[in-house]
Amino acid sequence: PAEWMYNHGEAAGLLSSLAAAVTPGSKQRLREEPVKASWRDATTELIAQYEKAIEANLPHRMELATIGAVVTNLMRVALVGLLIWWALRIEGRVAMATAIALLRQFSEDPTSISR
């Protein structure tokens, strides 16, 4: 209970918590609710606290995972778009050069292009 707690270094607080702990009601409470101070009990309580914290944090983790997936997909789309733009830029130059060469040839001799 809160009455049994004290702040380290405060002599008055220590005396008041000791006085509260030696009352008959406190002794009865210890009989009914003994202090568990084993490593097994501490570990069990800590695991329960961890599971509770993990469960409480799950919505935040799911939101971050969703945001991460969206960012990853946007990056993929941007990368593929950049690659397509780069490929079309190179192919566009080749196609333009070919079209110009054909137009020049056609302008010199219109019958040279076969059907």
Foldseek 3Di string as FASTA:
>chain_A
DVQLDADPPDPVSNVRNVVVCPDPVNVVVCVVPPDDDDPVVVVVVVVVVVVVVCVVCVVVVVVVVVVVVVVVVVVVVVVVVVVVVVVCVVVVVVVVVVVVVVVVVCVVPVVPDDD
